[in-house]
């Protein structure tokens, strides 16, 4: 199907999000991810609280939580989510060089 390194793709997407917090932030990204898993709580903060309790820790990075959610999806759902995010990346003011790097990586590793 593909030779994608999903961790690398997640990191590349996170860099696009971090660079453009006007159009994207962790909460907005969570809402988009929730679209593909309606069982997730509506509140990202509630999800984080539950996740920290499961791990028995006091602190987690929000981007790591998003990465965990992303990697829990099956490959088909990851691709759908990726296409959805790419659409929004193109509509926003994300770093075009980093966006092209992501697209090139995706094309080169089909």
N, C-alpha and C. Protein backbone atom coordinates (compact mmCIF):
# COMPACT_ATOMS: atom_id res chain seq x y z
N UNK A 1 0.82 -1.19 0.00
CA UNK A 1 0.00 0.00 0.00
C UNK A 1 0.87 1.25 0.00
N UNK A 2 1.68 1.42 1.04
CA UNK A 2 2.57 2.58 1.09
C UNK A 2 3.74 2.27 1.99
N UNK A 3 4.78 3.04 1.83
CA UNK A 3 5.96 2.90 2.67
C UNK A 3 6.08 4.08 3.62
N UNK A 4 4.96 4.62 4.04
CA UNK A 4 4.97 5.81 4.87
C UNK A 4 5.51 5.51 6.27
N UNK A 5 6.32 6.42 6.74
CA UNK A 5 6.72 6.43 8.14
C UNK A 5 5.73 7.38 8.82
N UNK A 6 4.74 6.82 9.48
CA UNK A 6 3.66 7.63 10.02
C UNK A 6 4.12 8.56 11.13
N UNK A 7 5.13 8.16 11.88
CA UNK A 7 5.67 9.05 12.91
C UNK A 7 6.27 10.29 12.24
N UNK A 8 7.02 10.07 11.15
CA UNK A 8 7.63 11.20 10.43
C UNK A 8 6.55 12.11 9.86
N UNK A 9 5.50 11.54 9.29
CA UNK A 9 4.41 12.34 8.74
C UNK A 9 3.76 13.16 9.85
N UNK A 10 3.54 12.54 10.99
CA UNK A 10 2.96 13.26 12.12
C UNK A 10 3.84 14.42 12.56
N UNK A 11 5.15 14.19 12.59
CA UNK A 11 6.08 15.26 12.98
C UNK A 11 6.07 16.39 11.95
N UNK A 12 6.00 16.04 10.67
CA UNK A 12 5.96 17.07 9.63
C UNK A 12 4.68 17.90 9.72
N UNK A 13 3.56 17.23 9.98
CA UNK A 13 2.30 17.95 10.13
C UNK A 13 2.34 18.84 11.36
N UNK A 14 2.93 18.33 12.45
CA UNK A 14 3.01 19.12 13.68
C UNK A 14 3.82 20.40 13.47
N UNK A 15 4.89 20.31 12.67
CA UNK A 15 5.69 21.50 12.39
C UNK A 15 4.87 22.54 11.62
N UNK A 16 4.03 22.08 10.70
CA UNK A 16 3.16 23.01 9.97
C UNK A 16 2.18 23.69 10.92
N UNK A 17 1.65 22.92 11.86
CA UNK A 17 0.68 23.45 12.82
C UNK A 17 1.37 24.43 13.76
N UNK A 18 2.54 24.06 14.25
CA UNK A 18 3.28 24.92 15.19
C UNK A 18 3.64 26.26 14.55
N UNK A 19 3.94 26.23 13.27
CA UNK A 19 4.35 27.46 12.57
C UNK A 19 3.18 28.38 12.25
N UNK A 20 1.98 27.89 12.39
CA UNK A 20 0.82 28.70 12.03
C UNK A 20 -0.29 28.54 13.06
N UNK A 21 -0.07 29.06 14.24
CA UNK A 21 -1.06 28.94 15.29
C UNK A 21 -2.26 29.86 15.09
N UNK A 22 -2.17 30.75 14.09
CA UNK A 22 -3.33 31.60 13.80
C UNK A 22 -4.45 30.75 13.20
N UNK A 23 -4.11 29.92 12.22
CA UNK A 23 -5.11 29.07 11.57
C UNK A 23 -5.25 27.71 12.24
N UNK A 24 -4.19 27.27 12.88
CA UNK A 24 -4.19 25.94 13.49
C UNK A 24 -3.65 26.03 14.90
N UNK A 25 -4.20 25.25 15.76
CA UNK A 25 -3.66 25.03 17.08
C UNK A 25 -4.03 23.62 17.48
N UNK A 26 -3.57 23.19 18.63
CA UNK A 26 -3.83 21.81 19.02
C UNK A 26 -5.33 21.52 19.16
N UNK A 27 -6.08 22.49 19.68
CA UNK A 27 -7.51 22.27 19.86
C UNK A 27 -8.24 22.12 18.52
N UNK A 28 -7.90 22.98 17.57
CA UNK A 28 -8.52 22.89 16.25
C UNK A 28 -8.15 21.57 15.57
N UNK A 29 -6.89 21.17 15.72
CA UNK A 29 -6.45 19.91 15.13
C UNK A 29 -7.17 18.74 15.79
N UNK A 30 -7.33 18.81 17.10
CA UNK A 30 -8.07 17.76 17.81
C UNK A 30 -9.50 17.65 17.28
N UNK A 31 -10.13 18.79 17.06
CA UNK A 31 -11.50 18.77 16.54
C UNK A 31 -11.57 18.09 15.16
N UNK A 32 -10.58 18.36 14.35
CA UNK A 32 -10.52 17.70 13.04
C UNK A 32 -10.30 16.20 13.22
N UNK A 33 -9.43 15.83 14.15
CA UNK A 33 -9.17 14.42 14.39
C UNK A 33 -10.40 13.73 14.98
N UNK A 34 -11.13 14.46 15.81
CA UNK A 34 -12.33 13.91 16.43
C UNK A 34 -13.38 13.57 15.36
N UNK A 35 -13.33 14.27 14.27
CA UNK A 35 -14.24 14.00 13.16
C UNK A 35 -14.15 12.53 12.71
N UNK A 36 -12.97 11.94 12.85
CA UNK A 36 -12.75 10.56 12.42
C UNK A 36 -12.85 9.56 13.57
N UNK A 37 -13.14 10.06 14.77
CA UNK A 37 -13.41 9.18 15.91
C UNK A 37 -14.37 9.91 16.85
N UNK A 38 -15.66 9.82 16.58
CA UNK A 38 -16.64 10.55 17.38
C UNK A 38 -16.68 10.09 18.84
N UNK A 39 -16.02 8.99 19.16
CA UNK A 39 -15.99 8.52 20.55
C UNK A 39 -15.08 9.38 21.42
N UNK A 40 -14.20 10.15 20.80
CA UNK A 40 -13.33 11.05 21.57
C UNK A 40 -14.20 12.11 22.23
N UNK A 41 -13.83 12.55 23.44
CA UNK A 41 -14.60 13.63 24.07
C UNK A 41 -14.56 14.91 23.22
N UNK A 42 -15.56 15.72 23.34
CA UNK A 42 -15.56 16.99 22.62
C UNK A 42 -14.44 17.89 23.11
N UNK A 43 -14.14 17.81 24.39
CA UNK A 43 -13.12 18.66 25.00
C UNK A 43 -11.74 18.00 24.94
N UNK A 44 -10.81 18.70 24.29
CA UNK A 44 -9.43 18.21 24.24
C UNK A 44 -8.83 18.17 25.64
N UNK A 45 -9.16 19.18 26.45
CA UNK A 45 -8.64 19.20 27.83
C UNK A 45 -9.12 18.00 28.63
N UNK A 46 -10.36 17.59 28.42
CA UNK A 46 -10.87 16.41 29.12
C UNK A 46 -10.13 15.15 28.65
N UNK A 47 -9.88 15.07 27.36
CA UNK A 47 -9.13 13.92 26.85
C UNK A 47 -7.73 13.89 27.46
N UNK A 48 -7.09 15.04 27.53
CA UNK A 48 -5.74 15.12 28.10
C UNK A 48 -5.76 14.71 29.57
N UNK A 49 -6.75 15.17 30.31
CA UNK A 49 -6.86 14.81 31.73
C UNK A 49 -6.97 13.30 31.89
N UNK A 50 -7.83 12.68 31.11
CA UNK A 50 -7.99 11.23 31.17
C UNK A 50 -6.70 10.51 30.77
N UNK A 51 -6.06 11.01 29.73
CA UNK A 51 -4.81 10.42 29.23
C UNK A 51 -3.72 10.49 30.31
N UNK A 52 -3.60 11.62 30.98
CA UNK A 52 -2.61 11.77 32.05
C UNK A 52 -2.91 10.80 33.20
N UNK A 53 -4.18 10.64 33.53
CA UNK A 53 -4.56 9.69 34.58
C UNK A 53 -4.20 8.26 34.19
N UNK A 54 -4.44 7.91 32.92
CA UNK A 54 -4.08 6.57 32.44
C UNK A 54 -2.59 6.32 32.55
N UNK A 55 -1.79 7.35 32.21
CA UNK A 55 -0.34 7.21 32.26
C UNK A 55 0.22 7.39 33.67
N UNK A 56 -0.56 8.00 34.55
CA UNK A 56 -0.09 8.28 35.89
C UNK A 56 0.98 9.37 35.93
N UNK A 57 0.82 10.37 35.07
CA UNK A 57 1.77 11.48 35.01
C UNK A 57 1.03 12.80 35.23
N UNK A 58 1.78 13.83 35.55
CA UNK A 58 1.19 15.15 35.79
C UNK A 58 1.22 16.04 34.55
N UNK A 59 2.07 15.69 33.58
CA UNK A 59 2.25 16.57 32.42
C UNK A 59 2.45 15.74 31.15
N UNK A 60 1.80 16.15 30.09
CA UNK A 60 2.04 15.61 28.75
C UNK A 60 2.03 16.78 27.78
N UNK A 61 2.79 16.65 26.71
CA UNK A 61 2.76 17.69 25.69
C UNK A 61 1.56 17.43 24.78
N UNK A 62 0.86 18.50 24.48
CA UNK A 62 -0.35 18.38 23.68
C UNK A 62 -0.05 17.76 22.31
N UNK A 63 1.08 18.12 21.72
CA UNK A 63 1.43 17.57 20.41
C UNK A 63 1.66 16.06 20.50
N UNK A 64 2.19 15.58 21.63
CA UNK A 64 2.38 14.14 21.80
C UNK A 64 1.05 13.41 21.91
N UNK A 65 0.09 14.05 22.55
CA UNK A 65 -1.24 13.47 22.68
C UNK A 65 -1.89 13.37 21.29
N UNK A 66 -1.75 14.43 20.50
CA UNK A 66 -2.29 14.39 19.13
C UNK A 66 -1.60 13.30 18.32
N UNK A 67 -0.30 13.15 18.49
CA UNK A 67 0.43 12.10 17.79
C UNK A 67 -0.08 10.72 18.15
N UNK A 68 -0.37 10.51 19.43
CA UNK A 68 -0.89 9.21 19.88
C UNK A 68 -2.26 8.94 19.24
N UNK A 69 -3.11 9.97 19.22
CA UNK A 69 -4.44 9.80 18.61
C UNK A 69 -4.27 9.45 17.13
N UNK A 70 -3.42 10.19 16.43
CA UNK A 70 -3.19 9.96 15.00
C UNK A 70 -2.71 8.53 14.74
N UNK A 71 -1.77 8.06 15.53
CA UNK A 71 -1.21 6.72 15.31
C UNK A 71 -2.18 5.61 15.70
N UNK A 72 -3.22 5.92 16.46
CA UNK A 72 -4.21 4.91 16.82
C UNK A 72 -5.21 4.65 15.69
N UNK A 73 -5.26 5.53 14.70
CA UNK A 73 -6.15 5.31 13.56
C UNK A 73 -5.58 4.23 12.65
N UNK A 74 -6.47 3.54 11.94
CA UNK A 74 -5.99 2.60 10.93
C UNK A 74 -5.46 3.40 9.74
N UNK A 75 -4.76 2.72 8.86
CA UNK A 75 -4.09 3.40 7.74
C UNK A 75 -5.08 4.16 6.86
N UNK A 76 -6.21 3.58 6.56
CA UNK A 76 -7.20 4.27 5.72
C UNK A 76 -7.68 5.57 6.36
N UNK A 77 -7.93 5.53 7.65
CA UNK A 77 -8.38 6.73 8.36
C UNK A 77 -7.27 7.76 8.41
N UNK A 78 -6.03 7.33 8.61
CA UNK A 78 -4.90 8.26 8.61
C UNK A 78 -4.80 8.99 7.28
N UNK A 79 -4.98 8.25 6.19
CA UNK A 79 -4.92 8.88 4.87
C UNK A 79 -6.06 9.87 4.67
N UNK A 80 -7.26 9.53 5.12
CA UNK A 80 -8.38 10.46 5.01
C UNK A 80 -8.11 11.72 5.83
N UNK A 81 -7.63 11.53 7.05
CA UNK A 81 -7.32 12.67 7.91
C UNK A 81 -6.21 13.52 7.30
N UNK A 82 -5.22 12.87 6.76
CA UNK A 82 -4.10 13.57 6.12
C UNK A 82 -4.60 14.41 4.94
N UNK A 83 -5.44 13.84 4.10
CA UNK A 83 -5.99 14.59 2.97
C UNK A 83 -6.82 15.78 3.44
N UNK A 84 -7.58 15.59 4.48
CA UNK A 84 -8.40 16.67 5.04
C UNK A 84 -7.50 17.79 5.56
N UNK A 85 -6.46 17.43 6.28
CA UNK A 85 -5.54 18.44 6.81
C UNK A 85 -4.77 19.14 5.69
N UNK A 86 -4.37 18.39 4.67
CA UNK A 86 -3.67 19.01 3.54
C UNK A 86 -4.54 20.09 2.89
N UNK A 87 -5.81 19.80 2.75
CA UNK A 87 -6.74 20.78 2.19
C UNK A 87 -6.72 22.06 3.02
N UNK A 88 -6.80 21.91 4.33
CA UNK A 88 -6.79 23.10 5.20
C UNK A 88 -5.42 23.77 5.25
N UNK A 89 -4.37 23.01 5.15
CA UNK A 89 -3.03 23.61 5.09
C UNK A 89 -2.93 24.52 3.87
N UNK A 90 -3.46 24.07 2.75
CA UNK A 90 -3.40 24.88 1.52
C UNK A 90 -4.27 26.13 1.63
N UNK A 91 -5.36 26.06 2.38
CA UNK A 91 -6.23 27.22 2.55
C UNK A 91 -5.65 28.23 3.55
N UNK A 92 -4.72 27.80 4.35
CA UNK A 92 -4.19 28.67 5.41
C UNK A 92 -2.85 29.26 4.99
N UNK A 93 -2.18 29.84 5.94
CA UNK A 93 -0.90 30.48 5.67
C UNK A 93 0.25 29.68 6.25
N UNK A 94 0.19 28.36 6.11
CA UNK A 94 1.30 27.55 6.61
C UNK A 94 2.52 27.77 5.75
N UNK A 95 3.65 27.40 6.26
CA UNK A 95 4.92 27.52 5.54
C UNK A 95 4.85 26.66 4.28
N UNK A 96 4.88 27.31 3.13
CA UNK A 96 4.73 26.60 1.85
C UNK A 96 5.88 25.64 1.58
N UNK A 97 7.07 25.98 2.03
CA UNK A 97 8.23 25.09 1.83
C UNK A 97 8.02 23.80 2.61
N UNK A 98 7.60 23.91 3.86
CA UNK A 98 7.36 22.72 4.68
C UNK A 98 6.19 21.91 4.15
N UNK A 99 5.18 22.59 3.62
CA UNK A 99 4.05 21.90 3.03
C UNK A 99 4.48 21.11 1.80
N UNK A 100 5.31 21.70 0.96
CA UNK A 100 5.83 20.99 -0.22
C UNK A 100 6.70 19.81 0.20
N UNK A 101 7.48 19.97 1.27
CA UNK A 101 8.30 18.86 1.77
C UNK A 101 7.41 17.69 2.18
N UNK A 102 6.31 17.99 2.86
CA UNK A 102 5.37 16.94 3.26
C UNK A 102 4.77 16.27 2.03
N UNK A 103 4.31 17.06 1.08
CA UNK A 103 3.71 16.49 -0.13
C UNK A 103 4.72 15.67 -0.91
N UNK A 104 5.94 16.15 -1.03
CA UNK A 104 6.98 15.40 -1.74
C UNK A 104 7.27 14.08 -1.02
N UNK A 105 7.34 14.12 0.30
CA UNK A 105 7.57 12.88 1.06
C UNK A 105 6.45 11.88 0.78
N UNK A 106 5.21 12.37 0.79
CA UNK A 106 4.07 11.49 0.54
C UNK A 106 4.12 10.89 -0.86
N UNK A 107 4.42 11.72 -1.85
CA UNK A 107 4.51 11.23 -3.23
C UNK A 107 5.67 10.26 -3.42
N UNK A 108 6.81 10.56 -2.80
CA UNK A 108 8.00 9.72 -2.98
C UNK A 108 7.89 8.36 -2.28
N UNK A 109 6.98 8.24 -1.33
CA UNK A 109 6.90 7.01 -0.54
C UNK A 109 5.59 6.25 -0.71
N UNK A 110 4.95 6.47 -1.83
CA UNK A 110 3.70 5.74 -2.10
C UNK A 110 3.96 4.27 -2.25
